[in-house]
Amino acid sequence: MATATKTEDLEALFEQKRREMEELQEKLNTQRREQATKTFEEVMETLEANVEYFSLAQKNSIVNLVKPDAPRAKGSGGSKGTVKAKYQAGQEGPTWTGRGKHIPNSFIAWKESAEGRKWFKDNPIPEGVQERHWWPAFPFDGKPAEVAFANIDTSKANKNAGKVATNKSESKDTANA
């Protein structure tokens, strides 16, 4: 019975400490709310006194701090945020968003490596798809990025490819004539 009493005493002590913790947490939360109210009033006074002197970028920074998902004003400048990578050159290779005029040199070098040659042999570029849109998906799983097929009508691409070839051959014929 002595063991049961010790266990009951420990459980009672634990419950008492839990209640004390809850009371302390509530006191802490109350103090934080009071401090936040005081800080808010000070910040509002400062903003109201200086708002006419803030640049558009500064105003947008304030809006983004308070409401990160707020729409941006046109021409607000500043960072446009990060863009997720769409492509990855190999298992351990660099990533690329797919943006920009040129394919990164690291991707071209990977394509020429043994791993890259094997990947492109296993995943040939479909007709009508530009090379810049045919890279392994990020994270690398050995499959082409699904975005390569987004909004691509391969029948139109194939027709256009034929027209371009026809036009080039016609221009050669007229030049030789």
N, C-alpha and C. Protein backbone atom coordinates (compact mmCIF):
# COMPACT_ATOMS: atom_id res chain seq x y z
N MET A 1 0.81 -1.20 0.00
CA MET A 1 0.00 0.00 0.00
C MET A 1 0.85 1.26 0.00
N ALA A 2 2.04 1.16 0.50
CA ALA A 2 2.92 2.33 0.54
C ALA A 2 3.23 2.80 -0.89
N THR A 3 3.36 1.86 -1.82
CA THR A 3 3.64 2.21 -3.20
C THR A 3 2.46 2.94 -3.82
N ALA A 4 1.24 2.48 -3.53
CA ALA A 4 0.05 3.13 -4.07
C ALA A 4 -0.05 4.56 -3.56
N THR A 5 0.26 4.78 -2.32
CA THR A 5 0.20 6.11 -1.76
C THR A 5 1.22 7.03 -2.44
N LYS A 6 2.43 6.52 -2.67
CA LYS A 6 3.44 7.32 -3.33
C LYS A 6 2.98 7.68 -4.74
N THR A 7 2.39 6.74 -5.46
CA THR A 7 1.91 6.99 -6.82
C THR A 7 0.80 8.03 -6.79
N GLU A 8 -0.13 7.87 -5.85
CA GLU A 8 -1.22 8.84 -5.73
C GLU A 8 -0.69 10.23 -5.38
N ASP A 9 0.31 10.27 -4.49
CA ASP A 9 0.91 11.55 -4.12
C ASP A 9 1.57 12.21 -5.34
N LEU A 10 2.28 11.39 -6.14
CA LEU A 10 2.93 11.91 -7.33
C LEU A 10 1.91 12.41 -8.35
N GLU A 11 0.81 11.65 -8.52
CA GLU A 11 -0.23 12.08 -9.45
C GLU A 11 -0.88 13.38 -8.99
N ALA A 12 -1.12 13.51 -7.70
CA ALA A 12 -1.69 14.74 -7.17
C ALA A 12 -0.72 15.91 -7.36
N LEU A 13 0.56 15.68 -7.10
CA LEU A 13 1.56 16.73 -7.28
C LEU A 13 1.65 17.12 -8.76
N PHE A 14 1.62 16.11 -9.64
CA PHE A 14 1.65 16.38 -11.07
C PHE A 14 0.46 17.24 -11.49
N GLU A 15 -0.71 16.91 -11.03
CA GLU A 15 -1.92 17.66 -11.37
C GLU A 15 -1.83 19.10 -10.85
N GLN A 16 -1.29 19.27 -9.64
CA GLN A 16 -1.12 20.60 -9.07
C GLN A 16 -0.15 21.42 -9.94
N LYS A 17 0.95 20.83 -10.34
CA LYS A 17 1.94 21.53 -11.17
C LYS A 17 1.35 21.85 -12.55
N ARG A 18 0.53 20.94 -13.09
CA ARG A 18 -0.11 21.19 -14.38
C ARG A 18 -1.03 22.40 -14.28
N ARG A 19 -1.81 22.49 -13.20
CA ARG A 19 -2.69 23.65 -13.01
C ARG A 19 -1.87 24.93 -12.86
N GLU A 20 -0.77 24.86 -12.13
CA GLU A 20 0.10 26.02 -11.97
C GLU A 20 0.67 26.46 -13.32
N MET A 21 1.07 25.50 -14.14
CA MET A 21 1.58 25.80 -15.48
C MET A 21 0.51 26.49 -16.32
N GLU A 22 -0.72 26.00 -16.26
CA GLU A 22 -1.81 26.61 -17.01
C GLU A 22 -2.03 28.05 -16.56
N GLU A 23 -1.98 28.28 -15.24
CA GLU A 23 -2.16 29.63 -14.72
C GLU A 23 -1.02 30.54 -15.18
N LEU A 24 0.21 30.03 -15.12
CA LEU A 24 1.35 30.82 -15.58
C LEU A 24 1.25 31.12 -17.07
N GLN A 25 0.82 30.13 -17.85
CA GLN A 25 0.66 30.33 -19.29
C GLN A 25 -0.37 31.42 -19.57
N GLU A 26 -1.46 31.40 -18.84
CA GLU A 26 -2.51 32.42 -19.01
C GLU A 26 -1.99 33.80 -18.63
N LYS A 27 -1.21 33.90 -17.54
CA LYS A 27 -0.61 35.18 -17.15
C LYS A 27 0.35 35.68 -18.24
N LEU A 28 1.16 34.78 -18.76
CA LEU A 28 2.10 35.13 -19.82
C LEU A 28 1.34 35.62 -21.05
N ASN A 29 0.30 34.93 -21.45
CA ASN A 29 -0.50 35.33 -22.60
C ASN A 29 -1.13 36.70 -22.39
N THR A 30 -1.62 36.96 -21.17
CA THR A 30 -2.22 38.26 -20.86
C THR A 30 -1.18 39.36 -20.98
N GLN A 31 0.02 39.13 -20.45
CA GLN A 31 1.08 40.13 -20.54
C GLN A 31 1.47 40.37 -22.00
N ARG A 32 1.54 39.30 -22.77
CA ARG A 32 1.89 39.46 -24.20
C ARG A 32 0.83 40.26 -24.95
N ARG A 33 -0.45 40.00 -24.65
CA ARG A 33 -1.52 40.76 -25.30
C ARG A 33 -1.43 42.23 -24.92
N GLU A 34 -1.19 42.53 -23.64
CA GLU A 34 -1.05 43.92 -23.20
C GLU A 34 0.13 44.60 -23.88
N GLN A 35 1.27 43.91 -23.97
CA GLN A 35 2.44 44.46 -24.63
C GLN A 35 2.17 44.68 -26.11
N ALA A 36 1.48 43.73 -26.76
CA ALA A 36 1.15 43.87 -28.18
C ALA A 36 0.24 45.07 -28.40
N THR A 37 -0.71 45.30 -27.51
CA THR A 37 -1.61 46.45 -27.63
C THR A 37 -0.82 47.75 -27.52
N LYS A 38 0.08 47.81 -26.56
CA LYS A 38 0.90 49.01 -26.37
C LYS A 38 1.80 49.23 -27.59
N THR A 39 2.44 48.16 -28.07
CA THR A 39 3.31 48.26 -29.24
C THR A 39 2.51 48.69 -30.47
N PHE A 40 1.32 48.12 -30.64
CA PHE A 40 0.47 48.46 -31.78
C PHE A 40 0.16 49.96 -31.77
N GLU A 41 -0.20 50.49 -30.61
CA GLU A 41 -0.51 51.91 -30.51
C GLU A 41 0.70 52.76 -30.89
N GLU A 42 1.89 52.37 -30.45
CA GLU A 42 3.11 53.11 -30.78
C GLU A 42 3.39 53.03 -32.28
N VAL A 43 3.24 51.85 -32.85
CA VAL A 43 3.49 51.68 -34.29
C VAL A 43 2.50 52.50 -35.10
N MET A 44 1.23 52.47 -34.72
CA MET A 44 0.22 53.24 -35.44
C MET A 44 0.51 54.73 -35.39
N GLU A 45 0.94 55.23 -34.25
CA GLU A 45 1.30 56.64 -34.14
C GLU A 45 2.45 56.98 -35.09
N THR A 46 3.45 56.13 -35.11
CA THR A 46 4.61 56.34 -35.99
C THR A 46 4.19 56.29 -37.45
N LEU A 47 3.39 55.31 -37.81
CA LEU A 47 2.93 55.19 -39.20
C LEU A 47 2.11 56.41 -39.62
N GLU A 48 1.16 56.80 -38.78
CA GLU A 48 0.32 57.94 -39.11
C GLU A 48 1.13 59.22 -39.28
N ALA A 49 2.17 59.37 -38.48
CA ALA A 49 3.00 60.58 -38.56
C ALA A 49 3.88 60.60 -39.81
N ASN A 50 4.18 59.41 -40.39
CA ASN A 50 5.15 59.35 -41.48
C ASN A 50 4.62 58.75 -42.78
N VAL A 51 3.38 58.31 -42.82
CA VAL A 51 2.87 57.58 -43.98
C VAL A 51 2.99 58.35 -45.28
N GLU A 52 2.85 59.65 -45.24
CA GLU A 52 2.91 60.43 -46.47
C GLU A 52 4.32 60.46 -47.06
N TYR A 53 5.33 60.09 -46.28
CA TYR A 53 6.71 60.11 -46.75
C TYR A 53 7.21 58.74 -47.20
N PHE A 54 6.40 57.69 -46.99
CA PHE A 54 6.81 56.34 -47.38
C PHE A 54 6.75 56.17 -48.89
N SER A 55 7.70 55.43 -49.42
CA SER A 55 7.67 55.09 -50.84
C SER A 55 6.67 53.96 -51.04
N LEU A 56 6.33 53.71 -52.29
CA LEU A 56 5.41 52.62 -52.60
C LEU A 56 5.98 51.29 -52.13
N ALA A 57 7.27 51.08 -52.30
CA ALA A 57 7.91 49.83 -51.87
C ALA A 57 7.80 49.67 -50.35
N GLN A 58 7.98 50.76 -49.60
CA GLN A 58 7.86 50.70 -48.14
C GLN A 58 6.43 50.38 -47.73
N LYS A 59 5.48 51.01 -48.39
CA LYS A 59 4.07 50.72 -48.08
C LYS A 59 3.75 49.26 -48.37
N ASN A 60 4.27 48.74 -49.49
CA ASN A 60 4.03 47.34 -49.83
C ASN A 60 4.69 46.41 -48.82
N SER A 61 5.84 46.80 -48.29
CA SER A 61 6.50 45.99 -47.27
C SER A 61 5.64 45.89 -46.02
N ILE A 62 5.02 47.00 -45.65
CA ILE A 62 4.14 47.00 -44.48
C ILE A 62 2.92 46.10 -44.74
N VAL A 63 2.33 46.23 -45.92
CA VAL A 63 1.17 45.40 -46.26
C VAL A 63 1.56 43.93 -46.25
N ASN A 64 2.72 43.58 -46.84
CA ASN A 64 3.15 42.19 -46.89
C ASN A 64 3.47 41.63 -45.52
N LEU A 65 3.91 42.48 -44.62
CA LEU A 65 4.19 42.04 -43.27
C LEU A 65 2.89 41.67 -42.55
N VAL A 66 1.88 42.51 -42.75
CA VAL A 66 0.61 42.29 -42.08
C VAL A 66 -0.23 41.24 -42.80
N LYS A 67 -0.22 41.29 -44.12
CA LYS A 67 -1.04 40.38 -44.93
C LYS A 67 -0.19 39.87 -46.09
N PRO A 68 0.56 38.78 -45.87
CA PRO A 68 1.51 38.31 -46.88
C PRO A 68 0.87 37.93 -48.22
N ASP A 69 -0.39 37.55 -48.25
CA ASP A 69 -1.04 37.12 -49.48
C ASP A 69 -1.76 38.25 -50.20
N ALA A 70 -1.57 39.49 -49.76
CA ALA A 70 -2.24 40.63 -50.38
C ALA A 70 -1.73 40.83 -51.80
N PRO A 71 -2.61 41.22 -52.74
CA PRO A 71 -2.14 41.48 -54.10
C PRO A 71 -1.19 42.66 -54.12
N ARG A 72 -0.24 42.61 -55.02
CA ARG A 72 0.76 43.68 -55.12
C ARG A 72 0.28 44.76 -56.06
N ALA A 73 0.70 45.97 -55.79
CA ALA A 73 0.40 47.07 -56.68
C ALA A 73 1.29 46.96 -57.91
N LYS A 74 0.78 47.39 -59.06
CA LYS A 74 1.59 47.36 -60.27
C LYS A 74 2.78 48.28 -60.11
N GLY A 75 3.91 47.83 -60.60
CA GLY A 75 5.12 48.64 -60.54
C GLY A 75 5.66 48.81 -59.14
N SER A 76 5.33 47.87 -58.26
CA SER A 76 5.77 48.02 -56.87
C SER A 76 7.24 47.76 -56.71
N GLY A 77 7.86 47.14 -57.72
CA GLY A 77 9.29 46.87 -57.63
C GLY A 77 9.56 45.84 -56.56
N GLY A 78 10.79 45.73 -56.19
CA GLY A 78 11.16 44.80 -55.14
C GLY A 78 11.14 43.36 -55.63
N SER A 79 11.29 42.46 -54.72
CA SER A 79 11.37 41.05 -55.03
C SER A 79 10.04 40.50 -55.50
N LYS A 80 10.10 39.65 -56.48
CA LYS A 80 8.89 39.00 -56.98
C LYS A 80 8.65 37.67 -56.29
N GLY A 81 9.51 37.30 -55.37
CA GLY A 81 9.38 36.04 -54.67
C GLY A 81 10.21 34.97 -55.35
N THR A 82 10.20 33.80 -54.78
CA THR A 82 10.98 32.71 -55.35
C THR A 82 10.10 31.88 -56.25
N VAL A 83 10.72 31.26 -57.22
CA VAL A 83 10.03 30.40 -58.16
C VAL A 83 10.51 28.98 -57.91
N LYS A 84 9.59 28.05 -57.83
CA LYS A 84 9.96 26.66 -57.60
C LYS A 84 10.68 26.10 -58.82
N ALA A 85 11.64 25.25 -58.54
CA ALA A 85 12.36 24.58 -59.62
C ALA A 85 11.44 23.58 -60.30
N LYS A 86 11.54 23.48 -61.63
CA LYS A 86 10.76 22.52 -62.39
C LYS A 86 11.61 21.35 -62.85
N TYR A 87 12.89 21.61 -63.05
CA TYR A 87 13.78 20.61 -63.63
C TYR A 87 14.98 20.38 -62.74
N GLN A 88 15.54 19.15 -62.84
CA GLN A 88 16.76 18.84 -62.11
C GLN A 88 17.65 17.99 -63.00
N ALA A 89 18.90 18.37 -63.12
CA ALA A 89 19.85 17.64 -63.96
C ALA A 89 20.44 16.49 -63.14
N GLY A 90 19.82 15.35 -63.21
CA GLY A 90 20.32 14.18 -62.50
C GLY A 90 19.92 14.14 -61.05
N GLN A 91 20.25 13.02 -60.43
CA GLN A 91 19.86 12.76 -59.04
C GLN A 91 20.42 13.81 -58.08
N GLU A 92 21.67 14.17 -58.24
CA GLU A 92 22.33 15.10 -57.32
C GLU A 92 22.61 16.44 -57.98
N GLY A 93 22.14 16.64 -59.20
CA GLY A 93 22.50 17.81 -59.98
C GLY A 93 21.75 19.08 -59.60
N PRO A 94 22.10 20.17 -60.30
CA PRO A 94 21.47 21.46 -60.03
C PRO A 94 20.01 21.48 -60.50
N THR A 95 19.28 22.46 -60.03
CA THR A 95 17.87 22.61 -60.43
C THR A 95 17.73 23.86 -61.29
N TRP A 96 16.60 23.93 -61.98
CA TRP A 96 16.33 25.06 -62.87
C TRP A 96 14.84 25.31 -62.89
N THR A 97 14.44 26.57 -62.89
CA THR A 97 13.02 26.94 -62.90
C THR A 97 12.41 26.83 -64.28
N GLY A 98 13.24 26.80 -65.31
CA GLY A 98 12.74 26.78 -66.68
C GLY A 98 12.61 28.18 -67.24
N ARG A 99 12.97 29.17 -66.45
CA ARG A 99 12.88 30.57 -66.90
C ARG A 99 14.20 31.02 -67.48
N GLY A 100 14.14 32.04 -68.28
CA GLY A 100 15.33 32.60 -68.87
C GLY A 100 15.43 32.21 -70.33
N LYS A 101 16.28 32.94 -71.05
CA LYS A 101 16.41 32.70 -72.49
C LYS A 101 17.16 31.42 -72.80
N HIS A 102 18.14 31.09 -71.99
CA HIS A 102 19.04 29.99 -72.33
C HIS A 102 18.98 28.88 -71.29
N ILE A 103 19.26 27.69 -71.76
CA ILE A 103 19.39 26.54 -70.87
C ILE A 103 20.69 26.71 -70.10
N PRO A 104 20.68 26.52 -68.78
CA PRO A 104 21.91 26.71 -68.01
C PRO A 104 23.03 25.78 -68.49
N ASN A 105 24.26 26.27 -68.42
CA ASN A 105 25.41 25.47 -68.83
C ASN A 105 25.51 24.17 -68.07
N SER A 106 25.12 24.18 -66.79
CA SER A 106 25.20 22.96 -65.99
C SER A 106 24.27 21.88 -66.55
N PHE A 107 23.14 22.28 -67.13
CA PHE A 107 22.22 21.32 -67.73
C PHE A 107 22.77 20.78 -69.04
N ILE A 108 23.40 21.65 -69.81
CA ILE A 108 24.01 21.21 -71.07
C ILE A 108 25.13 20.23 -70.77
N ALA A 109 25.95 20.53 -69.76
CA ALA A 109 27.04 19.63 -69.39
C ALA A 109 26.47 18.29 -68.91
N TRP A 110 25.39 18.33 -68.13
CA TRP A 110 24.77 17.08 -67.66
C TRP A 110 24.24 16.27 -68.83
N LYS A 111 23.64 16.94 -69.80
CA LYS A 111 23.10 16.24 -70.97
C LYS A 111 24.20 15.48 -71.71
N GLU A 112 25.39 16.04 -71.73
CA GLU A 112 26.52 15.42 -72.43
C GLU A 112 27.22 14.36 -71.58
N SER A 113 26.88 14.27 -70.29
CA SER A 113 27.49 13.26 -69.42
C SER A 113 26.85 11.90 -69.71
N ALA A 114 27.43 10.85 -69.16
CA ALA A 114 26.91 9.49 -69.37
C ALA A 114 25.48 9.38 -68.83
N GLU A 115 25.26 9.95 -67.65
CA GLU A 115 23.92 9.89 -67.05
C GLU A 115 22.91 10.64 -67.93
N GLY A 116 23.29 11.80 -68.42
CA GLY A 116 22.40 12.59 -69.26
C GLY A 116 22.10 11.90 -70.58
N ARG A 117 23.14 11.35 -71.22
CA ARG A 117 22.92 10.64 -72.49
C ARG A 117 21.96 9.48 -72.29
N LYS A 118 22.14 8.75 -71.17
CA LYS A 118 21.24 7.62 -70.90
C LYS A 118 19.81 8.11 -70.68
N TRP A 119 19.65 9.22 -69.94
CA TRP A 119 18.30 9.73 -69.67
C TRP A 119 17.62 10.16 -70.97
N PHE A 120 18.34 10.88 -71.82
CA PHE A 120 17.75 11.33 -73.08
C PHE A 120 17.50 10.17 -74.04
N LYS A 121 18.31 9.10 -73.94
CA LYS A 121 18.05 7.91 -74.76
C LYS A 121 16.76 7.24 -74.29
N ASP A 122 16.57 7.16 -72.96
CA ASP A 122 15.36 6.55 -72.40
C ASP A 122 14.14 7.45 -72.56
N ASN A 123 14.34 8.75 -72.69
CA ASN A 123 13.25 9.73 -72.78
C ASN A 123 13.49 10.66 -73.97
N PRO A 124 13.33 10.15 -75.19
CA PRO A 124 13.60 11.02 -76.34
C PRO A 124 12.64 12.21 -76.38
N ILE A 125 13.11 13.30 -76.94
CA ILE A 125 12.30 14.52 -77.03
C ILE A 125 11.19 14.28 -78.06
N PRO A 126 9.92 14.42 -77.65
CA PRO A 126 8.83 14.21 -78.60
C PRO A 126 8.84 15.28 -79.69
N GLU A 127 8.34 14.93 -80.84
CA GLU A 127 8.26 15.87 -81.94
C GLU A 127 7.35 17.02 -81.53
N GLY A 128 7.75 18.23 -81.82
CA GLY A 128 6.94 19.40 -81.51
C GLY A 128 7.21 19.99 -80.13
N VAL A 129 8.08 19.34 -79.32
CA VAL A 129 8.41 19.87 -78.00
C VAL A 129 9.82 20.44 -78.07
N GLN A 130 9.97 21.66 -77.58
CA GLN A 130 11.28 22.30 -77.59
C GLN A 130 12.19 21.64 -76.56
N GLU A 131 13.47 21.58 -76.88
CA GLU A 131 14.44 20.96 -75.98
C GLU A 131 14.42 21.62 -74.60
N ARG A 132 14.22 22.93 -74.57
CA ARG A 132 14.25 23.65 -73.29
C ARG A 132 13.12 23.21 -72.36
N HIS A 133 12.10 22.53 -72.90
CA HIS A 133 10.99 22.07 -72.08
C HIS A 133 11.04 20.56 -71.83
N TRP A 134 12.16 19.94 -72.14
CA TRP A 134 12.24 18.48 -72.00
C TRP A 134 13.44 18.12 -71.14
N TRP A 135 13.26 18.22 -69.82
CA TRP A 135 14.30 17.89 -68.86
C TRP A 135 13.69 17.08 -67.74
N PRO A 136 14.51 16.39 -66.95
CA PRO A 136 13.96 15.61 -65.83
C PRO A 136 13.23 16.52 -64.84
N ALA A 137 12.14 15.99 -64.31
CA ALA A 137 11.35 16.75 -63.35
C ALA A 137 12.11 16.93 -62.05
N PHE A 138 11.78 18.00 -61.34
CA PHE A 138 12.33 18.22 -60.00
C PHE A 138 11.23 17.90 -59.00
N PRO A 139 11.44 17.13 -57.94
CA PRO A 139 12.68 16.42 -57.64
C PRO A 139 12.90 15.27 -58.61
N PHE A 140 14.16 14.95 -58.86
CA PHE A 140 14.54 13.98 -59.87
C PHE A 140 13.93 12.62 -59.54
N ASP A 141 13.15 12.12 -60.47
CA ASP A 141 12.59 10.78 -60.32
C ASP A 141 12.81 9.96 -61.59
N GLY A 142 13.62 10.51 -62.50
CA GLY A 142 13.92 9.80 -63.72
C GLY A 142 12.89 10.00 -64.82
N LYS A 143 11.84 10.77 -64.55
CA LYS A 143 10.80 11.02 -65.54
C LYS A 143 10.87 12.46 -66.02
N PRO A 144 10.41 12.71 -67.25
CA PRO A 144 10.38 14.09 -67.74
C PRO A 144 9.39 14.93 -66.93
N ALA A 145 9.64 16.22 -66.86
CA ALA A 145 8.74 17.12 -66.15
C ALA A 145 7.38 17.10 -66.84
N GLU A 146 6.32 17.03 -66.06
CA GLU A 146 4.97 17.02 -66.62
C GLU A 146 4.66 18.34 -67.32
N VAL A 147 5.31 19.40 -66.91
CA VAL A 147 5.05 20.69 -67.53
C VAL A 147 5.46 20.69 -69.00
N ALA A 148 6.26 19.72 -69.40
CA ALA A 148 6.66 19.65 -70.81
C ALA A 148 5.44 19.43 -71.69
N PHE A 149 4.41 18.80 -71.15
CA PHE A 149 3.23 18.50 -71.94
C PHE A 149 2.11 19.51 -71.74
N ALA A 150 2.29 20.45 -70.82
CA ALA A 150 1.24 21.42 -70.54
C ALA A 150 1.03 22.34 -71.74
N ASN A 151 -0.22 22.47 -72.15
CA ASN A 151 -0.61 23.39 -73.23
C ASN A 151 0.10 23.13 -74.55
N ILE A 152 0.52 21.91 -74.78
CA ILE A 152 1.17 21.59 -76.05
C ILE A 152 0.23 20.69 -76.84
N ASP A 153 -0.18 21.17 -78.00
CA ASP A 153 -0.98 20.38 -78.92
C ASP A 153 0.00 19.86 -79.96
N THR A 154 0.41 18.60 -79.81
CA THR A 154 1.46 18.09 -80.67
C THR A 154 1.02 18.01 -82.12
N SER A 155 -0.28 17.88 -82.37
CA SER A 155 -0.72 17.84 -83.77
C SER A 155 -0.45 19.19 -84.43
N LYS A 156 -0.72 20.29 -83.72
CA LYS A 156 -0.43 21.62 -84.27
C LYS A 156 1.07 21.82 -84.40
N ALA A 157 1.82 21.37 -83.41
CA ALA A 157 3.27 21.54 -83.44
C ALA A 157 3.83 20.78 -84.64
N ASN A 158 3.32 19.58 -84.90
CA ASN A 158 3.81 18.80 -86.04
C ASN A 158 3.45 19.49 -87.35
N LYS A 159 2.25 20.03 -87.47
CA LYS A 159 1.84 20.73 -88.69
C LYS A 159 2.72 21.95 -88.91
N ASN A 160 2.95 22.71 -87.83
CA ASN A 160 3.78 23.91 -87.95
C ASN A 160 5.21 23.54 -88.32
N ALA A 161 5.71 22.44 -87.76
CA ALA A 161 7.07 22.02 -88.08
C ALA A 161 7.17 21.71 -89.57
N GLY A 162 6.14 21.07 -90.13
CA GLY A 162 6.13 20.76 -91.56
C GLY A 162 6.09 22.03 -92.39
N LYS A 163 5.31 23.01 -91.96
CA LYS A 163 5.21 24.27 -92.70
C LYS A 163 6.53 25.01 -92.70
N VAL A 164 7.21 25.01 -91.57
CA VAL A 164 8.49 25.70 -91.50
C VAL A 164 9.46 25.05 -92.47
N ALA A 165 9.50 23.72 -92.49
CA ALA A 165 10.40 23.02 -93.39
C ALA A 165 10.04 23.34 -94.83
N THR A 166 8.74 23.37 -95.15
CA THR A 166 8.30 23.67 -96.50
C THR A 166 8.72 25.09 -96.88
N ASN A 167 8.52 26.02 -95.97
CA ASN A 167 8.89 27.41 -96.26
C ASN A 167 10.39 27.55 -96.48
N LYS A 168 11.18 26.85 -95.71
CA LYS A 168 12.63 26.93 -95.87
C LYS A 168 13.05 26.36 -97.21
N SER A 169 12.43 25.23 -97.58
CA SER A 169 12.80 24.62 -98.86
C SER A 169 12.35 25.50 -100.02
N GLU A 170 11.19 26.16 -99.86
CA GLU A 170 10.70 27.07 -100.90
C GLU A 170 11.66 28.25 -101.05
N SER A 171 12.15 28.77 -99.93
CA SER A 171 13.03 29.93 -100.00
C SER A 171 14.35 29.54 -100.64
N LYS A 172 14.81 28.29 -100.43
CA LYS A 172 16.03 27.84 -101.08
C LYS A 172 15.84 27.72 -102.59
N ASP A 173 14.64 27.20 -102.97
CA ASP A 173 14.34 27.03 -104.40
C ASP A 173 14.30 28.39 -105.10
N THR A 174 13.69 29.38 -104.48
CA THR A 174 13.59 30.70 -105.11
C THR A 174 14.95 31.37 -105.16
N ALA A 175 15.80 31.07 -104.19
CA ALA A 175 17.14 31.67 -104.20
C ALA A 175 17.98 31.09 -105.31
N ASN A 176 17.78 29.78 -105.57
CA ASN A 176 18.57 29.13 -106.64
C ASN A 176 18.07 29.51 -108.01
N ALA A 177 16.82 29.94 -108.12
CA ALA A 177 16.23 30.22 -109.43
C ALA A 177 16.72 31.48 -110.06
